[in-house]
């Protein structure tokens, strides 16, 4: 069996944002938070019908009113109680869960936050409510979902600089519906990082890629990883790594190196594939030369990052390169359900617009060939 994804440009998001939270719940793509243009932490969110409303379930409601709009139109969600930027989020437990991020205080200090917010669609509450805080503060945390469970790890501390990964290597899990709080699932065996993809497939948790700008620079290089030099020293390390953790039996295993040093949005398909799309990803050639993937989008007058899409088959252990995105995307959120996937938000190279754009890509997933287990 093979996977194919056909991409098209969707209806542009109502605001230019990056680092948002997104998930598909009750036939709606829900998006909230992020870093906006002009440069600020945003509290607003929007919903977009996906055309995949679950059979036999009433339309989602907000404060007694439908989250509804003509097909193809964004409609506003109730705002978060407070703006949050560089956040992450997933659909879990019948709602959208927004995890971590960064915030600037009144005196100008910026720090990662531990707040977790839940927009409960399943119970029809129509408002945001706060869940147990993430065990550690983090901006740009990695978040994944498996049923009612939310997993979170990694992120940046913003102190002393915004691209330094937090030292906390624990991977945490929250049962959204039980109210039991966060538990530590395991400790990641690799180096600290942020921007990694994380996903649960077939009872295994996968961590792929990520990068870090460590304090004092990179002290030791590893073959296959990507590196960036500045002023005669190595400042950035991007990991060409894939790791797997058996959630039932415990224990980590290091997988074969991926085809890129990925810093990309990830999502799962059919409890089998982990797909990575776009991102600030690197090609590392046979001589160890690192090349950051970028492309010029003439129609939008901006430079974007990678437009590649790769799928990792967790059964065969093989990677395949899929149809590319219409143009490059970075710092986007991915939300997938059934045969649909959406990518929302974009970090670009375009200072006039705070390096942001309201990109929305819609993908249609198709599985081909017999399901012979290979």
Protein backbone atom coordinates (compact mmCIF):
# COMPACT_ATOMS: atom_id res chain seq x y z
CA UNK A 1 0.00 0.00 0.00
CA UNK A 2 1.20 3.52 -0.82
CA UNK A 3 0.17 7.02 0.22
CA UNK A 4 -0.53 9.99 -2.04
CA UNK A 5 -1.55 13.54 -1.07
CA UNK A 6 -2.82 16.08 -3.58
CA UNK A 7 -2.45 19.70 -2.46
CA UNK A 8 -4.22 22.92 -3.31
CA UNK A 9 -4.30 26.41 -1.86
CA UNK A 10 -7.19 26.79 0.54
CA UNK A 11 -9.10 29.88 1.60
CA UNK A 12 -6.47 32.22 3.08
CA UNK A 13 -6.69 32.58 6.87
CA UNK A 14 -8.33 35.85 7.97
CA UNK A 15 -5.04 37.05 9.50
CA UNK A 16 -1.33 36.70 8.81
CA UNK A 17 -0.08 34.33 11.51
CA UNK A 18 2.49 31.70 12.38
CA UNK A 19 2.87 29.34 15.33
CA UNK A 20 -0.87 28.65 15.77
CA UNK A 21 -2.82 25.78 17.32
CA UNK A 22 -5.09 23.79 15.00
CA UNK A 23 -7.26 20.68 14.96
CA UNK A 24 -10.31 19.22 13.24
CA UNK A 25 -13.31 18.72 15.54
CA UNK A 26 -16.88 17.82 14.54
CA UNK A 27 -16.27 18.64 10.89
CA UNK A 28 -14.61 21.99 11.57
CA UNK A 29 -11.01 23.08 11.29
CA UNK A 30 -10.43 25.10 14.46
CA UNK A 31 -7.46 27.49 14.64
CA UNK A 32 -6.46 29.73 17.56
CA UNK A 33 -3.61 31.88 18.84
CA UNK A 34 -0.29 32.47 17.13
CA UNK A 35 2.12 35.29 16.36
CA UNK A 36 0.40 37.81 14.14
CA UNK A 37 1.03 40.84 11.98
CA UNK A 38 1.75 43.41 13.22
CA UNK A 39 4.06 41.45 15.54
CA UNK A 40 1.90 40.53 18.53
CA UNK A 41 0.47 37.60 20.47
CA UNK A 42 -3.07 37.02 19.24
CA UNK A 43 -6.12 35.81 21.14
CA UNK A 44 -8.47 35.32 18.21
CA UNK A 45 -9.37 32.13 16.40
CA UNK A 46 -11.48 30.97 13.46
CA UNK A 47 -13.33 27.90 12.25
CA UNK A 48 -13.64 26.54 8.72
CA UNK A 49 -16.04 23.78 7.63
CA UNK A 50 -14.22 20.75 6.23
CA UNK A 51 -17.26 19.04 4.72
CA UNK A 52 -16.65 16.02 6.94
CA UNK A 53 -19.17 16.50 9.75
CA UNK A 54 -19.59 13.28 11.73
CA UNK A 55 -22.79 11.34 11.05
CA UNK A 56 -25.55 11.64 13.64
CA UNK A 57 -23.98 14.53 15.57
CA UNK A 58 -25.41 18.00 15.96
CA UNK A 59 -23.46 20.99 14.64
CA UNK A 60 -20.96 22.42 17.10
CA UNK A 61 -22.23 25.39 19.09
CA UNK A 62 -20.67 28.42 20.74
CA UNK A 63 -22.65 30.07 23.53
CA UNK A 64 -25.83 28.60 22.07
CA UNK A 65 -25.01 29.57 18.49
CA UNK A 66 -23.76 27.30 15.73
CA UNK A 67 -20.10 27.40 14.72
CA UNK A 68 -21.36 27.48 11.19
CA UNK A 69 -20.85 29.37 7.97
CA UNK A 70 -21.40 28.76 4.29
CA UNK A 71 -18.96 26.10 3.09
CA UNK A 72 -15.63 27.74 2.36
CA UNK A 73 -15.97 30.69 4.76
CA UNK A 74 -14.09 31.26 8.00
CA UNK A 75 -16.17 32.19 11.04
CA UNK A 76 -14.82 33.59 14.32
CA UNK A 77 -14.36 31.55 17.48
CA UNK A 78 -14.65 33.03 20.96
CA UNK A 79 -11.25 34.59 21.72
CA UNK A 80 -8.80 33.01 24.10
CA UNK A 81 -8.86 34.71 27.52
CA UNK A 82 -5.36 36.03 26.79
CA UNK A 83 -3.22 36.16 23.67
CA UNK A 84 -0.65 33.44 23.14
CA UNK A 85 2.03 33.26 20.45
CA UNK A 86 4.32 30.51 19.19
CA UNK A 87 1.97 27.96 20.67
CA UNK A 88 0.94 24.46 19.62
CA UNK A 89 -2.26 22.49 19.72
CA UNK A 90 -4.22 19.45 18.65
CA UNK A 91 -7.73 18.07 18.49
CA UNK A 92 -8.26 15.74 21.45
CA UNK A 93 -11.11 14.75 23.74
CA UNK A 94 -13.71 16.37 21.51
CA UNK A 95 -12.15 19.83 21.41
CA UNK A 96 -9.12 21.95 20.57
CA UNK A 97 -6.27 21.88 23.09
CA UNK A 98 -3.82 24.82 23.05
CA UNK A 99 -0.52 24.05 24.78
CA UNK A 100 2.23 26.45 25.89
CA UNK A 101 3.63 29.36 23.90
CA UNK A 102 5.21 32.69 24.71
CA UNK A 103 3.99 35.96 26.13
CA UNK A 104 5.43 39.41 26.68
CA UNK A 105 4.78 41.03 30.04
CA UNK A 106 3.86 44.67 30.62
CA UNK A 107 7.49 45.48 31.38
CA UNK A 108 8.66 43.97 28.11
CA UNK A 109 9.99 40.65 29.43
CA UNK A 110 9.33 37.66 27.17
CA UNK A 111 9.09 34.12 28.50
CA UNK A 112 7.66 30.75 27.65
CA UNK A 113 4.38 29.85 29.32
CA UNK A 114 2.88 26.64 30.70
CA UNK A 115 -0.81 27.43 30.19
CA UNK A 116 -3.10 24.87 28.56
CA UNK A 117 -6.50 25.92 27.20
CA UNK A 118 -9.35 23.72 25.99
CA UNK A 119 -12.21 24.64 23.66
CA UNK A 120 -14.74 21.91 24.39
CA UNK A 121 -16.84 21.27 21.30
CA UNK A 122 -18.13 17.82 22.29
CA UNK A 123 -19.85 19.06 25.45
CA UNK A 124 -21.08 22.26 23.81
CA UNK A 125 -19.63 24.53 26.45
CA UNK A 126 -18.97 27.29 23.96
CA UNK A 127 -16.08 28.78 25.92
CA UNK A 128 -12.42 28.28 26.66
CA UNK A 129 -11.46 26.70 29.95
CA UNK A 130 -8.07 26.22 31.46
CA UNK A 131 -6.66 22.73 32.00
CA UNK A 132 -3.72 21.74 34.19
CA UNK A 133 -0.58 23.66 33.26
CA UNK A 134 2.12 21.96 31.25
CA UNK A 135 4.77 20.72 33.73
CA UNK A 136 7.36 23.14 32.33
CA UNK A 137 7.21 26.43 30.47
CA UNK A 138 7.92 26.32 26.75
CA UNK A 139 7.46 28.36 23.64
CA UNK A 140 7.00 26.40 20.39
CA UNK A 141 6.43 23.10 22.22
CA UNK A 142 5.83 19.95 20.21
CA UNK A 143 2.36 18.49 20.74
CA UNK A 144 0.63 15.34 19.48
CA UNK A 145 -2.71 13.63 20.10
CA UNK A 146 -3.91 10.05 20.46
CA UNK A 147 -7.64 9.87 21.21
CA UNK A 148 -8.32 11.76 24.43
CA UNK A 149 -4.59 11.94 25.20
CA UNK A 150 -2.31 14.89 24.48
CA UNK A 151 1.48 14.46 24.42
CA UNK A 152 3.87 17.40 24.73
CA UNK A 153 7.64 17.84 24.81
CA UNK A 154 10.53 20.16 23.90
CA UNK A 155 10.30 23.89 23.10
CA UNK A 156 12.32 27.07 23.57
CA UNK A 157 12.86 29.05 26.74
CA UNK A 158 13.32 32.55 25.21
CA UNK A 159 16.01 33.08 27.82
CA UNK A 160 18.69 34.14 27.28
CA UNK A 161 17.68 34.02 23.60
CA UNK A 162 14.58 32.76 21.74
CA UNK A 163 16.19 29.84 19.88
CA UNK A 164 17.67 28.05 22.88
CA UNK A 165 15.92 24.74 23.61
CA UNK A 166 14.58 24.05 27.09
CA UNK A 167 16.59 21.57 29.14
CA UNK A 168 13.50 19.53 30.06
CA UNK A 169 13.68 16.30 28.01
CA UNK A 170 10.60 14.67 29.54
CA UNK A 171 7.64 13.73 27.36
CA UNK A 172 4.36 14.38 29.14
CA UNK A 173 0.83 13.07 28.63
CA UNK A 174 -2.58 14.46 29.62
CA UNK A 175 -5.95 12.70 29.48
CA UNK A 176 -8.15 15.64 28.53
CA UNK A 177 -11.38 14.07 29.79
CA UNK A 178 -10.21 12.47 33.03
CA UNK A 179 -8.92 15.62 34.67
CA UNK A 180 -6.10 13.61 36.23
CA UNK A 181 -3.34 16.03 35.25
CA UNK A 182 -0.08 15.51 33.41
CA UNK A 183 2.08 12.42 33.79
CA UNK A 184 5.65 11.79 32.67
CA UNK A 185 5.69 9.10 29.99
CA UNK A 186 9.43 8.90 29.37
CA UNK A 187 12.61 10.93 29.06
CA UNK A 188 13.86 11.58 25.55
CA UNK A 189 17.39 10.16 25.09
CA UNK A 190 18.64 12.70 22.52
CA UNK A 191 19.81 16.30 22.81
CA UNK A 192 17.48 19.18 23.72
CA UNK A 193 15.66 20.59 20.69
CA UNK A 194 12.62 22.44 19.45
CA UNK A 195 10.64 22.27 16.22
CA UNK A 196 10.67 18.47 16.24
CA UNK A 197 7.71 16.51 14.88
CA UNK A 198 6.03 14.06 17.25
CA UNK A 199 3.30 11.54 16.45
CA UNK A 200 1.69 8.36 17.77
CA UNK A 201 1.20 5.48 15.32
CA UNK A 202 0.34 1.89 16.16
CA UNK A 203 1.11 2.29 19.86
CA UNK A 204 4.52 3.85 19.20
CA UNK A 205 5.52 7.45 19.76
CA UNK A 206 7.82 8.93 17.11
CA UNK A 207 10.10 11.98 17.35
CA UNK A 208 11.64 13.28 14.13
CA UNK A 209 14.06 16.16 13.55
CA UNK A 210 14.14 19.44 15.43
CA UNK A 211 16.93 21.95 15.99
CA UNK A 212 18.68 24.05 18.62
CA UNK A 213 20.91 27.08 19.03
CA UNK A 214 22.71 25.96 22.19
CA UNK A 215 24.33 28.39 24.59
CA UNK A 216 28.00 28.79 23.70
CA UNK A 217 27.52 27.20 20.29
CA UNK A 218 27.61 23.61 19.07
CA UNK A 219 30.49 21.83 20.78
CA UNK A 220 30.43 18.52 18.92
CA UNK A 221 29.19 17.73 15.41
CA UNK A 222 27.42 14.53 14.38
CA UNK A 223 27.50 13.20 10.84
CA UNK A 224 24.25 13.67 8.94
CA UNK A 225 23.02 16.62 10.98
CA UNK A 226 22.85 20.11 9.48
CA UNK A 227 24.91 22.99 10.85
CA UNK A 228 25.01 26.75 10.42
CA UNK A 229 28.15 28.78 10.92
CA UNK A 230 28.30 32.38 12.09
CA UNK A 231 31.33 34.52 12.91
CA UNK A 232 33.64 31.53 12.76
CA UNK A 233 31.67 29.24 15.05
CA UNK A 234 28.87 26.71 14.72
CA UNK A 235 25.68 28.18 16.16
CA UNK A 236 22.82 25.98 14.90
CA UNK A 237 22.35 22.21 14.85
CA UNK A 238 19.40 20.63 13.00
CA UNK A 239 18.90 16.94 13.68
CA UNK A 240 18.61 14.35 10.93
CA UNK A 241 17.21 11.90 13.46
CA UNK A 242 14.18 9.69 14.01
CA UNK A 243 13.37 8.01 17.32
CA UNK A 244 10.66 5.55 18.38
CA UNK A 245 9.29 4.83 21.86
CA UNK A 246 7.13 1.77 22.58
CA UNK A 247 4.29 3.14 24.70
CA UNK A 248 3.27 -0.30 25.98
CA UNK A 249 6.62 -1.93 26.63
CA UNK A 250 8.79 1.12 27.17
CA UNK A 251 12.20 1.65 25.65
CA UNK A 252 13.58 3.91 22.92
CA UNK A 253 15.10 2.88 19.61
CA UNK A 254 17.06 5.05 17.19
CA UNK A 255 15.81 4.64 13.61
CA UNK A 256 17.67 5.14 10.35
CA UNK A 257 18.38 8.79 9.54
CA UNK A 258 15.61 10.58 7.60
CA UNK A 259 16.30 11.99 4.12
CA UNK A 260 16.36 15.55 5.48
CA UNK A 261 17.23 17.34 8.68
CA UNK A 262 13.59 18.19 9.35
CA UNK A 263 12.01 21.08 11.23
CA UNK A 264 8.52 20.55 9.90
CA UNK A 265 4.85 20.17 10.73
CA UNK A 266 3.93 16.52 11.23
CA UNK A 267 0.70 14.51 11.13
CA UNK A 268 -0.36 10.87 10.95
CA UNK A 269 -2.34 8.98 8.33
CA UNK A 270 -4.21 5.68 8.83
CA UNK A 271 -2.29 4.88 12.03
CA UNK A 272 0.64 3.98 9.79
CA UNK A 273 2.36 6.96 8.19
CA UNK A 274 4.01 9.97 9.78
CA UNK A 275 3.99 12.80 7.23
CA UNK A 276 6.23 15.89 7.42
CA UNK A 277 5.39 18.95 5.33
CA UNK A 278 7.52 21.99 4.51
CA UNK A 279 9.48 23.61 7.31
CA UNK A 280 12.93 25.09 7.89
CA UNK A 281 14.43 21.80 6.74
CA UNK A 282 17.91 21.14 5.42
CA UNK A 283 19.59 19.00 2.79
CA UNK A 284 22.91 17.54 3.93
CA UNK A 285 25.02 16.26 1.03
CA UNK A 286 27.61 13.50 1.00
CA UNK A 287 30.35 16.01 1.82
CA UNK A 288 28.57 17.21 4.94
CA UNK A 289 27.51 20.53 3.39
CA UNK A 290 24.21 21.85 4.82
CA UNK A 291 21.76 23.69 2.56
CA UNK A 292 18.62 25.34 3.97
CA UNK A 293 15.68 24.75 1.63
CA UNK A 294 14.05 27.98 0.39
CA UNK A 295 12.03 29.10 -2.62
CA UNK A 296 10.87 32.39 -4.10
CA UNK A 297 7.11 32.90 -4.39
CA UNK A 298 6.93 35.57 -7.08
CA UNK A 299 3.14 35.89 -7.03
CA UNK A 300 3.20 36.76 -3.31
CA UNK A 301 6.45 38.75 -3.39
CA UNK A 302 8.10 36.75 -0.63
CA UNK A 303 10.64 34.03 0.01
CA UNK A 304 9.41 30.89 1.73
CA UNK A 305 10.98 27.77 3.16
CA UNK A 306 10.70 24.13 2.04
CA UNK A 307 7.75 22.89 -0.03
CA UNK A 308 8.73 19.23 0.21
CA UNK A 309 6.43 16.59 1.72
CA UNK A 310 7.80 13.28 3.01
CA UNK A 311 6.01 10.24 4.45
CA UNK A 312 7.55 7.70 6.82
CA UNK A 313 5.93 4.26 6.68
CA UNK A 314 6.12 2.98 10.25
CA UNK A 315 5.58 -0.62 9.09
CA UNK A 316 8.30 -0.81 6.45
CA UNK A 317 10.62 1.84 7.88
CA UNK A 318 10.86 3.49 4.45
CA UNK A 319 10.55 7.15 3.48
CA UNK A 320 8.80 8.35 0.32
CA UNK A 321 8.76 11.81 -1.26
CA UNK A 322 5.21 12.95 -2.02
CA UNK A 323 3.71 15.70 -4.18
CA UNK A 324 5.17 19.05 -3.08
CA UNK A 325 3.17 21.91 -1.59
CA UNK A 326 2.08 24.80 -3.84
CA UNK A 327 4.84 26.87 -2.23
CA UNK A 328 7.02 26.68 0.87
CA UNK A 329 5.65 26.78 4.39
CA UNK A 330 7.19 27.02 7.87
CA UNK A 331 5.99 27.34 11.48
CA UNK A 332 2.63 25.97 10.35
CA UNK A 333 0.16 23.81 12.24
CA UNK A 334 -1.08 20.57 10.70
CA UNK A 335 -4.54 19.11 11.27
CA UNK A 336 -5.64 15.83 9.68
CA UNK A 337 -8.77 13.69 9.81
CA UNK A 338 -9.89 10.96 7.44
CA UNK A 339 -8.77 11.83 3.93
CA UNK A 340 -8.28 15.56 4.61
CA UNK A 341 -5.33 17.49 5.98
CA UNK A 342 -4.82 21.21 6.47
CA UNK A 343 -1.68 23.29 7.00
CA UNK A 344 -2.29 26.73 8.53
CA UNK A 345 0.01 29.72 9.03
CA UNK A 346 3.41 30.50 7.57
CA UNK A 347 6.73 31.97 8.62
CA UNK A 348 8.26 33.61 5.58
CA UNK A 349 11.24 35.80 4.75
CA UNK A 350 9.32 39.05 4.38
CA UNK A 351 10.10 41.63 7.07
CA UNK A 352 7.51 44.09 5.74
CA UNK A 353 4.80 41.66 6.91
CA UNK A 354 6.55 40.53 10.12
CA UNK A 355 7.66 37.39 8.23
CA UNK A 356 4.11 36.03 8.35
CA UNK A 357 1.40 35.01 5.91
CA UNK A 358 -2.08 33.51 6.23
CA UNK A 359 -1.28 30.42 4.19
CA UNK A 360 -3.81 27.58 4.18
CA UNK A 361 -3.11 24.42 2.20
CA UNK A 362 -5.68 21.67 1.88
CA UNK A 363 -4.55 18.14 1.11
CA UNK A 364 -6.59 15.18 -0.10
CA UNK A 365 -5.15 11.85 1.04
CA UNK A 366 -5.39 8.73 -1.11
CA UNK A 367 -4.16 5.24 -0.21
CA UNK A 368 -3.40 3.02 -3.19
CA UNK A 369 -2.64 -0.66 -3.69
CA UNK A 370 -3.52 -3.68 -1.56
CA UNK A 371 -3.12 -3.59 2.20
CA UNK A 372 -0.64 -6.46 2.30
CA UNK A 373 1.13 -5.18 5.38
CA UNK A 374 4.00 -3.74 3.37
